[in-house]
Amino acid sequence: MGIAIMGGGILFVGFAYDLLFAGIPYQDPTPEIQSRWEFHSAVAGHICLVGFLILLLGIIAIPVIWLRTRQRQSPYE
């Protein structure tokens, strides 16, 4: 469960980074502003991708862990 929460937090950080640093692209930017926007947009995209993958890993791990701990318990205890 903690992995899924951590992944959701990283995903949220990626969206926040995108809003704060990249934001909406400029209508007619100079090459310097365009390259800076592309850099920050790429960084935000990578953060979001990592957060999504960790969130997905956590969601997949929850039932697996639940089933493995359930199998260890004896019905006679």
Protein backbone atom coordinates (compact mmCIF):
# COMPACT_ATOMS: atom_id res chain seq x y z
CA MET A 1 0.00 0.00 0.00
CA GLY A 2 2.88 2.33 0.81
CA ILE A 3 4.39 1.89 -2.65
CA ALA A 4 1.13 2.96 -4.31
CA ILE A 5 0.89 6.02 -2.08
CA MET A 6 4.49 6.93 -2.81
CA GLY A 7 3.87 6.56 -6.56
CA GLY A 8 0.81 8.79 -6.32
CA GLY A 9 2.87 11.37 -4.46
CA ILE A 10 5.61 11.34 -7.09
CA LEU A 11 2.98 11.63 -9.81
CA PHE A 12 1.50 14.65 -8.01
CA VAL A 13 4.97 16.22 -7.71
CA GLY A 14 5.44 15.78 -11.47
CA PHE A 15 2.17 17.56 -12.20
CA ALA A 16 3.05 20.34 -9.76
CA TYR A 17 6.50 20.73 -11.34
CA ASP A 18 4.86 20.96 -14.76
CA LEU A 19 2.48 23.67 -13.57
CA LEU A 20 5.12 25.68 -11.72
CA PHE A 21 8.08 25.49 -14.09
CA ALA A 22 6.84 24.56 -17.55
CA GLY A 23 3.24 25.76 -17.50
CA ILE A 24 1.37 26.57 -20.66
CA PRO A 25 3.63 26.97 -23.70
CA TYR A 26 4.19 30.49 -24.94
CA GLN A 27 2.45 31.61 -28.10
CA ASP A 28 5.48 33.01 -29.93
CA PRO A 29 8.57 32.39 -27.77
CA THR A 30 12.18 33.22 -28.42
CA PRO A 31 14.45 30.20 -28.98
CA GLU A 32 15.87 30.54 -25.46
CA ILE A 33 12.43 30.54 -23.81
CA GLN A 34 11.31 27.66 -26.03
CA SER A 35 14.32 25.51 -25.10
CA ARG A 36 13.82 26.27 -21.39
CA TRP A 37 10.13 25.32 -21.65
CA GLU A 38 11.01 22.08 -23.48
CA PHE A 39 13.58 21.20 -20.80
CA HIS A 40 11.16 21.72 -17.91
CA SER A 41 8.39 19.95 -19.78
CA ALA A 42 10.65 16.93 -20.36
CA VAL A 43 11.70 16.85 -16.69
CA ALA A 44 8.05 16.96 -15.62
CA GLY A 45 7.22 14.20 -18.07
CA HIS A 46 9.94 11.95 -16.67
CA ILE A 47 8.84 12.60 -13.08
CA CYS A 48 5.24 11.77 -14.01
CA LEU A 49 6.32 8.60 -15.82
CA VAL A 50 8.35 7.37 -12.84
CA GLY A 51 5.47 8.20 -10.49
CA PHE A 52 2.98 6.36 -12.68
CA LEU A 53 5.19 3.27 -12.91
CA ILE A 54 5.68 3.18 -9.14
CA LEU A 55 1.94 3.68 -8.61
CA LEU A 56 1.21 0.83 -11.03
CA LEU A 57 3.76 -1.39 -9.28
CA GLY A 58 2.13 -0.65 -5.94
CA ILE A 59 -1.36 -1.37 -7.24
CA ILE A 60 -0.18 -4.70 -8.69
CA ALA A 61 1.71 -5.58 -5.49
CA ILE A 62 -1.28 -5.11 -3.16
CA PRO A 63 -3.22 -8.25 -4.23
CA VAL A 64 -0.02 -10.29 -4.59
CA ILE A 65 1.04 -9.48 -1.03
CA TRP A 66 -2.48 -10.06 0.23
CA LEU A 67 -2.64 -13.52 -1.38
CA ARG A 68 0.82 -14.54 -0.14
CA THR A 69 0.07 -13.53 3.45
CA ARG A 70 -3.30 -15.28 3.28
CA GLN A 71 -1.69 -18.55 2.12
CA ARG A 72 0.73 -18.54 5.07
CA GLN A 73 -2.08 -18.54 7.59
CA SER A 74 -3.29 -21.97 8.55
CA PRO A 75 -7.06 -22.46 8.70
CA TYR A 76 -6.65 -24.43 11.94
CA GLU A 77 -4.97 -21.68 13.94
